[in-house]
Amino acid sequence: MHPQRRWVRWVRKVGKMPMTSKTSLDLAEEARRREVEHEILSYFLAVESYPARAEKQPQVSFEAHCWSVYTVLESGLAN
């Protein structure tokens, strides 16, 4: 059998598999993944925005700025 046809059959078979409910471990891993993604996003936003803030407020450390970006994102006010 051609490898591509075998793959198509497998995809169709997987598509017919019953949905299984997520375990508490799966949910915890998913929540942790989202938390880590949020932390990474806030860090990159802080890196990008720090030069402008440092120009206006040179006394603010990067750590303080990073924390403020994180808390603004966490509160949902960054829309």
C-alpha atoms as a PDB file:
ATOM      1  CA  MET A   1       0.000   0.000   0.000  1.00  0.00           C
ATOM      2  CA  HIS A   2       1.196   3.500  -0.819  1.00  0.00           C
ATOM      3  CA  PRO A   3       2.472   5.319   2.346  1.00  0.00           C
ATOM      4  CA  GLN A   4       0.192   8.306   1.767  1.00  0.00           C
ATOM      5  CA  ARG A   5      -2.910   6.107   1.573  1.00  0.00           C
ATOM      6  CA  ARG A   6      -1.886   4.397   4.791  1.00  0.00           C
ATOM      7  CA  TRP A   7      -1.630   7.822   6.456  1.00  0.00           C
ATOM      8  CA  VAL A   8      -5.051   8.875   5.111  1.00  0.00           C
ATOM      9  CA  ARG A   9      -6.595   5.695   6.487  1.00  0.00           C
ATOM     10  CA  TRP A  10      -4.981   6.329   9.856  1.00  0.00           C
ATOM     11  CA  VAL A  11      -6.276   9.924   9.934  1.00  0.00           C
ATOM     12  CA  ARG A  12      -9.784   8.738   9.136  1.00  0.00           C
ATOM     13  CA  LYS A  13      -9.526   6.093  11.845  1.00  0.00           C
ATOM     14  CA  VAL A  14      -8.313   8.646  14.394  1.00  0.00           C
ATOM     15  CA  GLY A  15     -11.126  10.985  13.387  1.00  0.00           C
ATOM     16  CA  LYS A  16     -13.635   8.275  14.278  1.00  0.00           C
ATOM     17  CA  MET A  17     -12.152   7.566  17.673  1.00  0.00           C
ATOM     18  CA  PRO A  18     -14.409   8.556  20.556  1.00  0.00           C
ATOM     19  CA  MET A  19     -13.467  11.711  22.391  1.00  0.00           C
ATOM     20  CA  THR A  20     -12.000  10.867  25.759  1.00  0.00           C
ATOM     21  CA  SER A  21     -12.427  13.189  28.679  1.00  0.00           C
ATOM     22  CA  LYS A  22      -9.319  14.893  29.947  1.00  0.00           C
ATOM     23  CA  THR A  23      -7.846  13.674  33.182  1.00  0.00           C
ATOM     24  CA  SER A  24      -7.023  16.025  36.016  1.00  0.00           C
ATOM     25  CA  LEU A  25      -3.349  15.626  35.081  1.00  0.00           C
ATOM     26  CA  ASP A  26      -4.124  16.685  31.481  1.00  0.00           C
ATOM     27  CA  LEU A  27      -6.021  19.714  32.756  1.00  0.00           C
ATOM     28  CA  ALA A  28      -3.212  20.650  35.142  1.00  0.00           C
ATOM     29  CA  GLU A  29      -0.622  20.346  32.365  1.00  0.00           C
ATOM     30  CA  GLU A  30      -2.786  22.464  30.074  1.00  0.00           C
ATOM     31  CA  ALA A  31      -3.202  25.138  32.763  1.00  0.00           C
ATOM     32  CA  ARG A  32       0.547  25.187  33.427  1.00  0.00           C
ATOM     33  CA  ARG A  33       1.270  25.468  29.695  1.00  0.00           C
ATOM     34  CA  ARG A  34      -1.053  28.481  29.445  1.00  0.00           C
ATOM     35  CA  GLU A  35       0.610  30.048  32.506  1.00  0.00           C
ATOM     36  CA  VAL A  36       4.083  29.588  31.024  1.00  0.00           C
ATOM     37  CA  GLU A  37       2.939  31.035  27.686  1.00  0.00           C
ATOM     38  CA  HIS A  38       1.555  34.044  29.564  1.00  0.00           C
ATOM     39  CA  GLU A  39       4.847  34.538  31.407  1.00  0.00           C
ATOM     40  CA  ILE A  40       6.844  34.323  28.180  1.00  0.00           C
ATOM     41  CA  LEU A  41       4.520  36.756  26.412  1.00  0.00           C
ATOM     42  CA  SER A  42       4.719  39.275  29.243  1.00  0.00           C
ATOM     43  CA  TYR A  43       8.527  38.997  29.293  1.00  0.00           C
ATOM     44  CA  PHE A  44       8.815  39.663  25.552  1.00  0.00           C
ATOM     45  CA  LEU A  45       6.391  42.580  25.818  1.00  0.00           C
ATOM     46  CA  ALA A  46       8.484  43.972  28.675  1.00  0.00           C
ATOM     47  CA  VAL A  47      11.690  43.623  26.641  1.00  0.00           C
ATOM     48  CA  GLU A  48      10.057  45.417  23.729  1.00  0.00           C
ATOM     49  CA  SER A  49       8.525  48.236  25.757  1.00  0.00           C
ATOM     50  CA  TYR A  50      11.269  48.844  28.346  1.00  0.00           C
ATOM     51  CA  PRO A  51      13.426  51.259  26.286  1.00  0.00           C
ATOM     52  CA  ALA A  52      10.535  53.709  25.897  1.00  0.00           C
ATOM     53  CA  ARG A  53       9.698  53.525  29.601  1.00  0.00           C
ATOM     54  CA  ALA A  54      13.352  53.821  30.643  1.00  0.00           C
ATOM     55  CA  GLU A  55      13.629  56.956  28.558  1.00  0.00           C
ATOM     56  CA  LYS A  56      10.666  58.515  30.405  1.00  0.00           C
ATOM     57  CA  GLN A  57      11.351  56.975  33.827  1.00  0.00           C
ATOM     58  CA  PRO A  58      15.057  56.038  34.128  1.00  0.00           C
ATOM     59  CA  GLN A  59      14.652  55.091  37.793  1.00  0.00           C
ATOM     60  CA  VAL A  60      12.405  52.109  36.908  1.00  0.00           C
ATOM     61  CA  SER A  61      14.384  48.872  36.744  1.00  0.00           C
ATOM     62  CA  PHE A  62      13.723  46.282  34.089  1.00  0.00           C
ATOM     63  CA  GLU A  63      12.555  43.890  36.802  1.00  0.00           C
ATOM     64  CA  ALA A  64       9.958  46.382  38.046  1.00  0.00           C
ATOM     65  CA  HIS A  65       8.846  47.110  34.501  1.00  0.00           C
ATOM     66  CA  CYS A  66       8.587  43.406  33.694  1.00  0.00           C
ATOM     67  CA  TRP A  67       6.462  42.829  36.786  1.00  0.00           C
ATOM     68  CA  SER A  68       4.159  45.731  35.885  1.00  0.00           C
ATOM     69  CA  VAL A  69       3.670  44.353  32.364  1.00  0.00           C
ATOM     70  CA  TYR A  70       2.872  40.929  33.825  1.00  0.00           C
ATOM     71  CA  THR A  71       0.322  42.318  36.291  1.00  0.00           C
ATOM     72  CA  VAL A  72      -1.388  44.441  33.629  1.00  0.00           C
ATOM     73  CA  LEU A  73      -1.727  41.400  31.375  1.00  0.00           C
ATOM     74  CA  GLU A  74      -2.912  39.308  34.311  1.00  0.00           C
ATOM     75  CA  SER A  75      -5.613  41.819  35.184  1.00  0.00           C
ATOM     76  CA  GLY A  76      -6.905  41.887  31.625  1.00  0.00           C
ATOM     77  CA  LEU A  77      -6.497  45.656  31.282  1.00  0.00           C
ATOM     78  CA  ALA A  78      -4.100  45.352  28.337  1.00  0.00           C
ATOM     79  CA  ASN A  79      -6.825  45.056  25.691  1.00  0.00           C
END
